[in-house]
Amino acid sequence: MSRRAEISRKSGETSVDVKLEIDGSGRYEVSIPDAFTKHMVESLAKYAQFDLILKAQGDIDHHIVEDAAIALGACLRKAMGETPVERVAHAFVPMDDALVMAAVDIIDRPYIEVRDMGNRDLIDEMHLHFLRSFVMESRICLHVWVLSGKEGHHITEAAFKALGLSLRHALEPRSGGVSTKGRVDWRGL
């Protein structure tokens, strides 16, 4: 079983190339001009144990981050193939002052909710946009709850690590599907 895919996304604003192997060991080679976003994508790959090569360039950080997230989401969706998976998983990640929980459902109902239980709004808009774009294109359901934290860097990094751990567990192969509806086929949509 090989769950891998490649995606190229080119526009007048950006150029993004992604190679992803779901059943990897957490090796990555990420090239994104924004150093913090690069670090977040590397953390996601490491904690998900994806082997990932992602190269993104373009005009402005917002476009690059958005298109990198879209291409990564599309590549994940393509790499999942037909293998039945655990489907639902969650993870808590503490990082210094931050404690963040991420929960995923690998199903064709894209939805994202990011809730800061302290009303601090410390995950910056660019990284919220990354998460939204990734979720919409991969067609997964993601909930991120910031349970505590003061430092935006720690909160954002804990969120990406928790997402990685959740994906790692939700994408574990299983002998049959996990749905009362039987098989849910979204590849033809």
Protein backbone atom coordinates (compact mmCIF):
# COMPACT_ATOMS: atom_id res chain seq x y z
CA MET A 1 0.00 0.00 0.00
CA SER A 2 1.42 3.31 -1.06
CA ARG A 3 -0.45 6.42 -0.04
CA ARG A 4 1.41 9.15 -1.83
CA ALA A 5 0.63 11.93 -4.27
CA GLU A 6 2.08 14.91 -6.07
CA ILE A 7 0.37 18.22 -6.85
CA SER A 8 1.52 21.32 -8.73
CA ARG A 9 -0.47 24.52 -8.41
CA LYS A 10 0.49 27.43 -10.64
CA SER A 11 -1.17 30.81 -10.97
CA GLY A 12 -0.24 34.36 -11.88
CA GLU A 13 0.56 34.90 -8.20
CA THR A 14 2.20 31.67 -7.01
CA SER A 15 3.90 28.43 -7.86
CA VAL A 16 3.52 25.50 -5.44
CA ASP A 17 4.78 21.93 -5.78
CA VAL A 18 3.92 19.27 -3.20
CA LYS A 19 4.99 15.64 -2.83
CA LEU A 20 3.40 13.81 0.08
CA GLU A 21 3.67 10.30 1.47
CA ILE A 22 1.19 9.66 4.26
CA ASP A 23 2.98 6.55 5.53
CA GLY A 24 6.32 8.22 6.02
CA SER A 25 8.64 8.90 8.92
CA GLY A 26 8.30 12.66 9.31
CA ARG A 27 10.98 13.70 6.84
CA TYR A 28 10.37 17.06 5.23
CA GLU A 29 11.85 19.60 2.89
CA VAL A 30 9.80 22.79 3.01
CA SER A 31 10.55 26.00 1.15
CA ILE A 32 8.17 28.87 1.97
CA PRO A 33 9.45 32.47 2.16
CA ASP A 34 7.65 33.18 5.46
CA ALA A 35 9.90 31.51 8.04
CA PHE A 36 7.18 30.99 10.66
CA THR A 37 4.80 29.35 8.18
CA LYS A 38 7.68 27.16 6.99
CA HIS A 39 8.23 26.09 10.61
CA MET A 40 4.50 25.36 11.09
CA VAL A 41 4.31 23.17 7.95
CA GLU A 42 7.45 21.33 9.06
CA SER A 43 5.90 20.74 12.50
CA LEU A 44 2.70 19.45 10.90
CA ALA A 45 4.67 17.01 8.71
CA LYS A 46 6.84 15.84 11.60
CA TYR A 47 3.95 15.18 13.98
CA ALA A 48 1.80 13.56 11.28
CA GLN A 49 4.85 11.47 10.26
CA PHE A 50 4.30 12.53 6.65
CA ASP A 51 7.20 12.57 4.24
CA LEU A 52 6.70 15.95 2.63
CA ILE A 53 8.39 18.06 0.01
CA LEU A 54 6.69 21.42 -0.40
CA LYS A 55 8.11 24.29 -2.42
CA ALA A 56 6.11 27.52 -2.62
CA GLN A 57 6.99 30.90 -4.06
CA GLY A 58 5.06 33.89 -5.26
CA ASP A 59 4.25 37.55 -4.98
CA ILE A 60 3.11 38.13 -1.37
CA ASP A 61 3.03 36.02 1.79
CA HIS A 62 -0.77 35.86 1.93
CA HIS A 63 -1.04 34.33 -1.56
CA ILE A 64 1.86 31.95 -0.96
CA VAL A 65 0.48 30.71 2.37
CA GLU A 66 -3.03 30.28 0.94
CA ASP A 67 -1.89 28.38 -2.16
CA ALA A 68 0.54 26.23 -0.17
CA ALA A 69 -2.35 25.20 2.11
CA ILE A 70 -4.64 24.52 -0.86
CA ALA A 71 -2.00 22.41 -2.62
CA LEU A 72 -1.16 20.49 0.57
CA GLY A 73 -4.85 19.81 1.21
CA ALA A 74 -5.38 18.62 -2.38
CA CYS A 75 -2.31 16.41 -2.16
CA LEU A 76 -3.51 14.85 1.11
CA ARG A 77 -6.93 14.17 -0.39
CA LYS A 78 -5.35 12.55 -3.45
CA ALA A 79 -2.89 10.49 -1.36
CA MET A 80 -5.62 9.06 0.89
CA GLY A 81 -6.84 6.87 -1.94
CA GLU A 82 -9.38 4.16 -1.14
CA THR A 83 -7.81 2.73 2.03
CA PRO A 84 -10.29 2.64 4.95
CA VAL A 85 -8.92 4.66 7.87
CA GLU A 86 -9.65 5.19 11.55
CA ARG A 87 -11.27 8.43 10.42
CA VAL A 88 -11.70 10.28 13.76
CA ALA A 89 -8.91 11.31 16.13
CA HIS A 90 -7.88 14.06 18.50
CA ALA A 91 -4.73 15.20 20.25
CA PHE A 92 -3.77 17.62 23.01
CA VAL A 93 -0.43 19.41 22.75
CA PRO A 94 1.08 21.44 25.58
CA MET A 95 3.78 23.92 24.66
CA ASP A 96 5.03 26.06 27.52
CA ASP A 97 2.08 28.34 28.39
CA ALA A 98 -0.15 26.92 25.63
CA LEU A 99 -2.46 23.92 25.68
CA VAL A 100 -4.27 23.20 22.40
CA MET A 101 -6.57 20.39 21.31
CA ALA A 102 -7.21 19.45 17.68
CA ALA A 103 -9.83 16.94 16.56
CA VAL A 104 -10.32 15.69 13.00
CA ASP A 105 -12.83 13.67 11.05
CA ILE A 106 -11.58 12.41 7.68
CA ILE A 107 -14.87 12.74 5.82
CA ASP A 108 -16.21 14.69 2.88
CA ARG A 109 -17.77 17.44 4.98
CA PRO A 110 -15.21 20.23 5.20
CA TYR A 111 -15.65 22.30 8.32
CA ILE A 112 -13.34 24.22 10.59
CA GLU A 113 -13.87 25.76 13.97
CA VAL A 114 -11.10 27.42 15.93
CA ARG A 115 -12.19 28.36 19.41
CA ASP A 116 -10.08 30.26 21.89
CA MET A 117 -11.51 29.47 25.30
CA GLY A 118 -9.93 32.62 26.75
CA ASN A 119 -11.06 34.98 23.96
CA ARG A 120 -7.48 35.93 23.23
CA ASP A 121 -7.47 35.53 19.39
CA LEU A 122 -3.77 34.64 19.46
CA ILE A 123 -3.64 32.45 16.35
CA ASP A 124 -2.92 35.11 13.76
CA GLU A 125 -5.14 35.57 10.72
CA MET A 126 -2.59 34.21 8.21
CA HIS A 127 -2.30 30.88 10.00
CA LEU A 128 -6.06 30.67 10.53
CA HIS A 129 -6.35 31.21 6.78
CA PHE A 130 -3.82 28.42 6.18
CA LEU A 131 -5.86 26.04 8.32
CA ARG A 132 -9.15 27.05 6.62
CA SER A 133 -7.68 26.62 3.13
CA PHE A 134 -6.13 23.25 4.03
CA VAL A 135 -9.41 21.97 5.52
CA MET A 136 -11.56 23.11 2.59
CA GLU A 137 -9.29 21.47 0.02
CA SER A 138 -8.62 18.23 1.94
CA ARG A 139 -12.36 18.10 2.77
CA ILE A 140 -11.83 17.15 6.41
CA CYS A 141 -13.54 18.41 9.56
CA LEU A 142 -11.22 20.16 12.03
CA HIS A 143 -11.87 21.62 15.46
CA VAL A 144 -9.06 23.46 17.25
CA TRP A 145 -9.59 24.57 20.84
CA VAL A 146 -7.05 26.81 22.51
CA LEU A 147 -7.47 25.81 26.15
CA SER A 148 -4.78 28.10 27.56
CA GLY A 149 -1.90 30.24 26.47
CA LYS A 150 -0.40 33.70 26.40
CA GLU A 151 2.16 33.57 23.60
CA GLY A 152 0.79 33.50 20.05
CA HIS A 153 3.81 31.60 18.71
CA HIS A 154 3.33 28.78 21.24
CA ILE A 155 -0.44 28.60 20.64
CA THR A 156 -0.08 28.46 16.85
CA GLU A 157 2.70 25.89 16.99
CA ALA A 158 0.76 23.71 19.43
CA ALA A 159 -2.24 23.89 17.07
CA PHE A 160 -0.20 22.69 14.07
CA LYS A 161 1.41 19.92 16.10
CA ALA A 162 -1.97 18.79 17.45
CA LEU A 163 -3.36 18.76 13.91
CA GLY A 164 -0.40 16.63 12.80
CA LEU A 165 -0.89 14.12 15.61
CA SER A 166 -4.63 13.96 14.94
CA LEU A 167 -4.08 13.32 11.23
CA ARG A 168 -1.51 10.63 11.99
CA HIS A 169 -4.01 8.68 14.09
CA ALA A 170 -7.10 9.39 11.95
CA LEU A 171 -5.28 8.19 8.81
CA GLU A 172 -4.20 4.85 10.30
CA PRO A 173 -5.46 2.08 8.00
CA ARG A 174 -8.18 -0.22 9.29
CA SER A 175 -9.88 -3.30 7.89
CA GLY A 176 -13.23 -1.61 7.23
CA GLY A 177 -14.81 1.81 7.06
CA VAL A 178 -16.13 3.72 10.06
CA SER A 179 -19.58 4.97 9.16
CA THR A 180 -23.15 3.92 9.78
CA LYS A 181 -23.78 4.97 6.16
CA GLY A 182 -21.41 2.38 4.74
CA ARG A 183 -18.83 3.64 2.31
CA VAL A 184 -18.89 7.39 1.71
CA ASP A 185 -17.55 8.12 -1.78
CA TRP A 186 -16.45 11.70 -2.34
CA ARG A 187 -13.85 11.24 -5.07
CA GLY A 188 -16.34 11.73 -7.90
CA LEU A 189 -17.64 15.07 -6.59
